[in-house]
Amino acid sequence: MTSELGAFFNRVRPAIDATLGELLPPDTAPPPRIHEAMRYSTLDGGKRIRPCLCVAAFAAYKDDWRPILPIASAVEMIHSYSLIHDDLPAMDDDDFRRGKPSCHKEFGEAIAILAGDALLTRAFEVLARSKDLPSERVLRAMSVLAGAAGSSGGRIAGQVLDIEAEGARVTEEQLEGIHRSKTGALIGAAVWIGAYLGGAPEQDLACIKTYGDRIGLAFQVIDDILDAIDGKDRDQEKATYPALHGVEKSRAIAHHLMEGARQALTPLANRAALLMDFCDYLEARTS
């Protein structure tokens, strides 16, 4: 991560953590068990990539990025909900998340399911209550975020496709569809929403959309590469880029996606410096 991007993320992460701490119900609020689980799975961990990208896109158009913090935090709530549900025995059956027991191991499956549900609904409650940004823009942002999380090309669609692909031979087109939906959609939405709520004009938003689509897919391709290097996902017969193409070709695909993302940002010039730097950060993770 470049020094400028790293410094920016280091300023934003504590602000996101503080905002999440304020927006999530206290763990003493009744019923306390569910609120403990929500906070356990959302606070004190994670790179905050999605909310930081949301803030970076907003900061391309507004010097004061504080008004976007609740929206960016809502994006992180949706991401946290997805991780809770992904870890469940009926899904990926992971016992650990972010260096500690996953939510269902700590609180039981029923509370974990409900904690995920509660984070998702809390995210949209936060959006609905937003007063610092134009209401008509927030409404459109809500629609985009719902689509990214949903069953028509969003995260839920990707999870279903991923489950159905386990142990099966998938085509390159099917694999791309899984990754674009399960991971790419929310990342792309986070960037687009940040720029849109920052007041980006339509021509810039088209560039941001292309950028978000490409880094969203690249992000998961790179995760696949890192998992393959670490020996993960082999027993689960997951549909991954290295499984289909091998590590070296997967790196070439990630590089091609990064070049496309950079090219998409070219018309925005220096305004998009932080987003451009994120491409360098992603690509550096492949080696």
Protein backbone atom coordinates (compact mmCIF):
# COMPACT_ATOMS: atom_id res chain seq x y z
CA MET A 1 0.00 0.00 0.00
CA THR A 2 1.45 3.38 -0.99
CA SER A 3 2.30 5.82 1.76
CA GLU A 4 -0.52 8.17 0.73
CA LEU A 5 -3.14 5.43 0.54
CA GLY A 6 -1.87 3.81 3.72
CA ALA A 7 -1.98 7.11 5.59
CA PHE A 8 -5.52 7.75 4.36
CA PHE A 9 -6.74 4.29 5.36
CA ASN A 10 -5.05 4.69 8.75
CA ARG A 11 -7.09 7.86 9.32
CA VAL A 12 -10.33 6.35 8.08
CA ARG A 13 -10.26 2.99 9.89
CA PRO A 14 -10.46 4.43 13.43
CA ALA A 15 -13.25 6.74 12.30
CA ILE A 16 -15.16 3.77 10.85
CA ASP A 17 -14.61 1.76 14.03
CA ALA A 18 -15.85 4.64 16.19
CA THR A 19 -18.89 5.16 13.97
CA LEU A 20 -19.74 1.45 14.05
CA GLY A 21 -19.44 1.50 17.83
CA GLU A 22 -21.96 4.33 17.98
CA LEU A 23 -24.39 2.94 15.41
CA LEU A 24 -24.57 -0.63 16.71
CA PRO A 25 -26.80 -1.18 19.75
CA PRO A 26 -24.84 -1.40 23.02
CA ASP A 27 -24.34 -4.95 24.25
CA THR A 28 -26.35 -4.08 27.34
CA ALA A 29 -29.47 -3.21 25.33
CA PRO A 30 -32.16 -5.91 25.57
CA PRO A 31 -31.95 -8.58 24.40
CA PRO A 32 -28.22 -8.30 25.17
CA ARG A 33 -27.12 -11.61 23.65
CA ILE A 34 -27.94 -10.59 20.07
CA HIS A 35 -26.27 -7.22 20.47
CA GLU A 36 -23.18 -8.86 21.94
CA ALA A 37 -23.00 -11.10 18.87
CA MET A 38 -23.43 -8.17 16.46
CA ARG A 39 -20.65 -6.20 18.10
CA TYR A 40 -18.40 -9.26 18.51
CA SER A 41 -18.53 -9.95 14.76
CA THR A 42 -18.23 -6.35 13.56
CA LEU A 43 -15.88 -4.53 15.92
CA ASP A 44 -12.21 -5.18 16.72
CA GLY A 45 -11.17 -6.78 13.47
CA GLY A 46 -11.10 -6.61 9.70
CA LYS A 47 -9.25 -4.45 7.20
CA ARG A 48 -12.30 -2.22 6.56
CA ILE A 49 -11.50 -2.31 2.84
CA ARG A 50 -15.07 -1.68 1.66
CA PRO A 51 -15.87 1.30 3.91
CA CYS A 52 -12.42 2.79 3.31
CA LEU A 53 -12.95 2.60 -0.45
CA CYS A 54 -16.37 4.18 -0.01
CA VAL A 55 -14.79 7.07 1.91
CA ALA A 56 -11.92 7.37 -0.61
CA ALA A 57 -14.40 7.73 -3.48
CA PHE A 58 -16.39 10.33 -1.51
CA ALA A 59 -13.16 12.19 -0.67
CA ALA A 60 -12.42 12.52 -4.39
CA TYR A 61 -15.27 15.05 -4.52
CA LYS A 62 -15.53 16.40 -0.96
CA ASP A 63 -12.72 17.61 1.29
CA ASP A 64 -14.69 16.77 4.45
CA TRP A 65 -15.39 13.04 4.34
CA ARG A 66 -17.04 12.77 7.74
CA PRO A 67 -20.63 12.88 6.40
CA ILE A 68 -20.10 9.58 4.54
CA LEU A 69 -18.95 7.66 7.63
CA PRO A 70 -22.40 6.30 8.62
CA ILE A 71 -23.04 5.14 5.04
CA ALA A 72 -19.61 3.52 4.80
CA SER A 73 -20.23 1.88 8.18
CA ALA A 74 -23.52 0.49 6.89
CA VAL A 75 -21.58 -1.13 4.05
CA GLU A 76 -19.32 -2.77 6.64
CA MET A 77 -22.36 -4.02 8.56
CA ILE A 78 -23.56 -5.78 5.42
CA HIS A 79 -20.11 -7.27 4.90
CA SER A 80 -20.03 -8.48 8.52
CA TYR A 81 -23.47 -10.04 8.18
CA SER A 82 -22.29 -11.91 5.09
CA LEU A 83 -19.25 -13.28 6.92
CA ILE A 84 -21.36 -14.51 9.85
CA HIS A 85 -23.65 -16.40 7.50
CA ASP A 86 -20.80 -17.66 5.29
CA ASP A 87 -19.14 -19.23 8.35
CA LEU A 88 -22.23 -21.23 9.37
CA PRO A 89 -22.08 -25.04 9.22
CA ALA A 90 -24.67 -25.03 6.43
CA MET A 91 -22.42 -22.74 4.36
CA ASP A 92 -18.60 -22.79 4.56
CA ASP A 93 -18.48 -24.24 8.09
CA ASP A 94 -15.59 -22.12 9.35
CA ASP A 95 -14.77 -22.18 13.05
CA PHE A 96 -12.60 -19.05 13.08
CA ARG A 97 -12.89 -15.54 11.70
CA ARG A 98 -10.39 -12.71 12.12
CA GLY A 99 -8.29 -14.68 14.58
CA LYS A 100 -11.08 -15.64 16.97
CA PRO A 101 -13.99 -18.12 17.07
CA SER A 102 -16.60 -17.37 14.43
CA CYS A 103 -19.95 -16.06 15.60
CA HIS A 104 -21.76 -19.40 15.62
CA LYS A 105 -18.95 -21.01 17.63
CA GLU A 106 -19.11 -18.25 20.23
CA PHE A 107 -22.89 -17.69 20.41
CA GLY A 108 -24.52 -20.73 18.79
CA GLU A 109 -26.03 -21.09 15.34
CA ALA A 110 -29.42 -19.55 16.11
CA ILE A 111 -27.96 -16.34 17.53
CA ALA A 112 -25.42 -16.17 14.68
CA ILE A 113 -28.19 -16.34 12.08
CA LEU A 114 -30.15 -13.65 13.89
CA ALA A 115 -27.04 -11.49 14.37
CA GLY A 116 -26.47 -11.55 10.63
CA ASP A 117 -30.10 -10.67 10.00
CA ALA A 118 -29.89 -7.86 12.54
CA LEU A 119 -26.76 -6.36 10.97
CA LEU A 120 -28.37 -6.35 7.54
CA THR A 121 -31.51 -4.62 8.79
CA ARG A 122 -29.48 -2.21 10.93
CA ALA A 123 -27.49 -1.18 7.86
CA PHE A 124 -30.60 -0.07 6.01
CA GLU A 125 -31.96 1.61 9.13
CA VAL A 126 -28.75 3.68 9.25
CA LEU A 127 -29.17 4.63 5.61
CA ALA A 128 -32.82 5.55 6.08
CA ARG A 129 -31.98 7.82 9.01
CA SER A 130 -29.15 9.65 7.24
CA LYS A 131 -29.58 13.43 7.53
CA ASP A 132 -26.18 14.72 6.40
CA LEU A 133 -26.59 13.94 2.70
CA PRO A 134 -29.29 14.70 0.07
CA SER A 135 -32.23 12.37 0.73
CA GLU A 136 -32.86 11.62 -2.95
CA ARG A 137 -29.25 10.52 -3.36
CA VAL A 138 -29.36 8.39 -0.23
CA LEU A 139 -32.49 6.68 -1.59
CA ARG A 140 -30.69 5.74 -4.80
CA ALA A 141 -27.68 4.58 -2.80
CA MET A 142 -29.98 2.33 -0.75
CA SER A 143 -31.29 0.75 -3.93
CA VAL A 144 -27.78 0.13 -5.28
CA LEU A 145 -26.63 -1.36 -1.97
CA ALA A 146 -29.69 -3.61 -1.75
CA GLY A 147 -28.97 -4.90 -5.25
CA ALA A 148 -25.35 -5.63 -4.35
CA ALA A 149 -26.49 -7.63 -1.32
CA GLY A 150 -29.40 -9.39 -2.98
CA SER A 151 -30.37 -12.44 -5.00
CA SER A 152 -30.30 -10.92 -8.50
CA GLY A 153 -26.62 -10.55 -9.27
CA GLY A 154 -25.68 -9.63 -5.69
CA ARG A 155 -23.99 -11.36 -2.78
CA ILE A 156 -26.79 -13.83 -2.07
CA ALA A 157 -26.84 -14.88 -5.72
CA GLY A 158 -23.09 -15.42 -5.59
CA GLN A 159 -23.32 -17.53 -2.46
CA VAL A 160 -25.98 -19.74 -4.02
CA LEU A 161 -23.91 -20.17 -7.19
CA ASP A 162 -20.81 -20.93 -5.09
CA ILE A 163 -22.64 -23.64 -3.13
CA GLU A 164 -23.99 -25.21 -6.32
CA ALA A 165 -20.51 -25.19 -7.89
CA GLU A 166 -18.80 -27.15 -5.10
CA GLY A 167 -17.35 -30.35 -6.51
CA ALA A 168 -18.62 -29.52 -10.02
CA ARG A 169 -16.74 -28.51 -13.15
CA VAL A 170 -17.42 -24.86 -13.85
CA THR A 171 -16.75 -22.77 -16.92
CA GLU A 172 -14.78 -19.53 -16.85
CA GLU A 173 -18.04 -17.64 -17.39
CA GLN A 174 -19.70 -19.39 -14.42
CA LEU A 175 -16.71 -18.74 -12.18
CA GLU A 176 -16.64 -15.07 -13.10
CA GLY A 177 -20.37 -14.86 -12.33
CA ILE A 178 -19.82 -16.36 -8.86
CA HIS A 179 -17.02 -13.94 -8.00
CA ARG A 180 -18.69 -10.86 -9.45
CA SER A 181 -21.80 -11.54 -7.41
CA LYS A 182 -20.42 -12.91 -4.16
CA THR A 183 -17.53 -10.47 -3.68
CA GLY A 184 -17.36 -7.96 -6.50
CA ALA A 185 -20.87 -6.54 -6.24
CA LEU A 186 -20.49 -5.12 -2.72
CA ILE A 187 -17.00 -3.73 -3.36
CA GLY A 188 -18.15 -2.07 -6.57
CA ALA A 189 -21.24 -0.68 -4.86
CA ALA A 190 -19.16 0.74 -2.01
CA VAL A 191 -16.98 2.72 -4.42
CA TRP A 192 -19.86 3.89 -6.59
CA ILE A 193 -21.98 4.97 -3.62
CA GLY A 194 -19.09 6.97 -2.17
CA ALA A 195 -18.53 8.85 -5.41
CA TYR A 196 -22.26 9.33 -6.03
CA LEU A 197 -22.95 10.72 -2.56
CA GLY A 198 -19.89 12.93 -2.94
CA GLY A 199 -21.58 14.59 -5.91
CA ALA A 200 -19.71 12.96 -8.80
CA PRO A 201 -21.17 13.85 -12.22
CA GLU A 202 -22.66 11.10 -14.38
CA GLN A 203 -19.63 10.85 -16.67
CA ASP A 204 -17.39 10.26 -13.67
CA LEU A 205 -19.81 7.72 -12.23
CA ALA A 206 -19.58 5.68 -15.44
CA CYS A 207 -15.79 5.53 -14.99
CA ILE A 208 -16.19 4.67 -11.30
CA LYS A 209 -18.65 1.90 -12.18
CA THR A 210 -16.18 0.29 -14.57
CA TYR A 211 -13.39 0.64 -12.01
CA GLY A 212 -15.52 -0.90 -9.26
CA ASP A 213 -16.56 -3.84 -11.44
CA ARG A 214 -12.93 -4.62 -12.23
CA ILE A 215 -11.41 -4.25 -8.78
CA GLY A 216 -14.34 -6.16 -7.27
CA LEU A 217 -13.60 -9.18 -9.43
CA ALA A 218 -9.84 -8.77 -9.07
CA PHE A 219 -10.15 -8.72 -5.28
CA GLN A 220 -11.61 -12.24 -5.23
CA VAL A 221 -9.25 -13.55 -7.91
CA ILE A 222 -6.35 -12.40 -5.71
CA ASP A 223 -7.93 -13.99 -2.63
CA ASP A 224 -8.19 -17.23 -4.62
CA ILE A 225 -4.49 -16.98 -5.48
CA LEU A 226 -3.50 -16.40 -1.86
CA ASP A 227 -5.69 -19.29 -0.70
CA ALA A 228 -4.12 -21.58 -3.30
CA ILE A 229 -0.63 -20.61 -2.18
CA ASP A 230 -1.61 -21.27 1.45
CA GLY A 231 -3.25 -24.59 0.57
CA LYS A 232 -6.81 -23.57 1.41
CA ASP A 233 -10.06 -24.62 -0.33
CA ARG A 234 -8.62 -27.83 -1.82
CA ASP A 235 -10.60 -30.17 0.40
CA GLN A 236 -13.80 -28.20 -0.13
CA GLU A 237 -13.46 -28.39 -3.92
CA LYS A 238 -14.26 -24.72 -4.23
CA ALA A 239 -14.68 -23.05 -7.61
CA THR A 240 -11.61 -20.82 -7.80
CA TYR A 241 -9.45 -19.18 -10.46
CA PRO A 242 -6.30 -21.18 -9.60
CA ALA A 243 -8.33 -24.42 -9.68
CA LEU A 244 -9.53 -23.56 -13.19
CA HIS A 245 -6.50 -21.73 -14.62
CA GLY A 246 -3.54 -22.31 -12.31
CA VAL A 247 -1.81 -19.65 -10.20
CA GLU A 248 0.27 -17.99 -12.93
CA LYS A 249 -2.61 -17.49 -15.35
CA SER A 250 -4.75 -16.27 -12.44
CA ARG A 251 -2.09 -13.64 -11.71
CA ALA A 252 -2.22 -12.59 -15.37
CA ILE A 253 -6.02 -12.27 -15.14
CA ALA A 254 -5.71 -10.14 -12.00
CA HIS A 255 -3.11 -7.94 -13.71
CA HIS A 256 -5.40 -7.49 -16.73
CA LEU A 257 -8.27 -6.49 -14.45
CA MET A 258 -6.04 -3.98 -12.63
CA GLU A 259 -4.92 -2.44 -15.92
CA GLY A 260 -8.56 -2.09 -16.94
CA ALA A 261 -9.39 -0.47 -13.61
CA ARG A 262 -6.54 2.02 -14.00
CA GLN A 263 -7.61 2.83 -17.54
CA ALA A 264 -11.17 3.47 -16.38
CA LEU A 265 -9.92 6.08 -13.90
CA THR A 266 -7.73 7.93 -16.42
CA PRO A 267 -10.37 10.61 -17.24
CA LEU A 268 -10.61 11.50 -13.53
CA ALA A 269 -6.89 12.40 -13.38
CA ASN A 270 -5.57 13.37 -9.92
CA ARG A 271 -9.04 13.27 -8.41
CA ALA A 272 -8.85 9.48 -8.40
CA ALA A 273 -5.30 9.18 -7.02
CA LEU A 274 -6.33 7.15 -3.95
CA LEU A 275 -8.46 4.77 -5.98
CA MET A 276 -5.61 4.36 -8.47
CA ASP A 277 -3.23 3.56 -5.61
CA PHE A 278 -5.60 0.82 -4.46
CA CYS A 279 -4.93 -1.01 -7.73
CA ASP A 280 -1.22 -1.06 -6.87
CA TYR A 281 -2.02 -2.37 -3.40
CA LEU A 282 -4.17 -5.18 -4.79
CA GLU A 283 -1.70 -6.21 -7.42
CA ALA A 284 1.14 -6.30 -4.90
CA ARG A 285 -0.80 -8.96 -2.96
CA THR A 286 -0.50 -11.49 -5.82
CA SER A 287 3.23 -12.07 -5.31
